[in-house]
Amino acid sequence: MNQPKETFRAGLVKAAIFERQVQGKKGEFTSQSIALQTSYEKDGEFQNRNLTIVKKNLANTISVLKQAADSMGVAY
């Protein structure tokens, strides 16, 4: 598995940026994605959940997370 280009952490949430070279219809390009990881404790052991978001969906992901936070009254 390739290593992340960069990582960020806030509490039990981590985001890692990954890049890889991909062959597309118009030639080779760099594909970027973000892997989000949340950690929680269950039965005395930490568990992780992962979600990968590709670059083209990042703005929409941020938008819906902000909407959800607003609806829940979460300050950010």
Protein backbone atom coordinates (compact mmCIF):
# COMPACT_ATOMS: atom_id res chain seq x y z
CA MET A 1 0.00 0.00 0.00
CA ASN A 2 1.33 3.43 -0.84
CA GLN A 3 1.99 5.98 1.86
CA PRO A 4 -0.12 9.15 2.18
CA LYS A 5 1.26 12.39 0.77
CA GLU A 6 0.03 14.23 3.86
CA THR A 7 -2.06 13.52 6.97
CA PHE A 8 -4.17 15.66 9.29
CA ARG A 9 -5.70 14.79 12.66
CA ALA A 10 -8.36 16.35 14.91
CA GLY A 11 -9.28 14.28 17.95
CA LEU A 12 -10.20 10.77 16.81
CA VAL A 13 -10.61 11.78 13.15
CA LYS A 14 -7.78 11.54 10.63
CA ALA A 15 -7.59 12.53 6.97
CA ALA A 16 -4.85 11.29 4.67
CA ILE A 17 -4.22 12.52 1.12
CA PHE A 18 -3.23 9.85 -1.39
CA GLU A 19 -1.96 10.27 -4.93
CA ARG A 20 -1.43 7.68 -7.63
CA GLN A 21 -0.65 7.70 -11.33
CA VAL A 22 -3.55 6.51 -13.48
CA GLN A 23 -3.80 5.82 -17.20
CA GLY A 24 -6.88 7.57 -18.58
CA LYS A 25 -8.41 7.98 -22.03
CA LYS A 26 -6.32 11.13 -22.62
CA GLY A 27 -3.11 9.77 -21.12
CA GLU A 28 -1.57 9.42 -17.69
CA PHE A 29 -2.66 11.69 -14.83
CA THR A 30 -2.38 11.97 -11.05
CA SER A 31 -5.50 10.78 -9.19
CA GLN A 32 -6.02 12.25 -5.73
CA SER A 33 -8.25 11.02 -2.92
CA ILE A 34 -8.75 11.54 0.78
CA ALA A 35 -9.08 8.65 3.19
CA LEU A 36 -11.04 9.61 6.30
CA GLN A 37 -10.69 7.48 9.40
CA THR A 38 -12.64 7.69 12.65
CA SER A 39 -11.68 5.74 15.73
CA TYR A 40 -13.86 4.59 18.60
CA GLU A 41 -13.53 2.26 21.54
CA LYS A 42 -15.55 -0.97 21.69
CA ASP A 43 -15.12 -3.59 24.40
CA GLY A 44 -11.87 -1.97 25.53
CA GLU A 45 -10.27 -2.00 22.06
CA PHE A 46 -10.02 0.78 19.52
CA GLN A 47 -11.78 0.21 16.21
CA ASN A 48 -11.41 2.18 12.98
CA ARG A 49 -13.88 3.05 10.24
CA ASN A 50 -12.69 4.29 6.88
CA LEU A 51 -14.18 6.26 4.01
CA THR A 52 -12.37 7.26 0.82
CA ILE A 53 -13.47 10.34 -1.12
CA VAL A 54 -12.13 11.13 -4.58
CA LYS A 55 -11.09 14.69 -5.36
CA LYS A 56 -14.06 15.46 -7.64
CA ASN A 57 -16.52 14.69 -4.78
CA LEU A 58 -14.68 16.60 -2.04
CA ALA A 59 -16.57 19.91 -2.33
CA ASN A 60 -19.96 18.12 -2.19
CA THR A 61 -18.78 16.08 0.81
CA ILE A 62 -17.77 19.23 2.68
CA SER A 63 -21.11 20.84 1.78
CA VAL A 64 -23.27 18.01 3.13
CA LEU A 65 -21.14 17.68 6.28
CA LYS A 66 -21.58 21.42 6.97
CA GLN A 67 -25.33 21.09 6.40
CA ALA A 68 -25.50 18.16 8.80
CA ALA A 69 -23.41 20.02 11.40
CA ASP A 70 -25.68 23.07 11.13
CA SER A 71 -28.78 20.90 11.49
CA MET A 72 -27.32 19.28 14.61
CA GLY A 73 -26.21 22.61 16.10
CA VAL A 74 -22.52 21.71 15.96
CA ALA A 75 -20.11 24.65 15.99
CA TYR A 76 -17.14 24.42 13.65
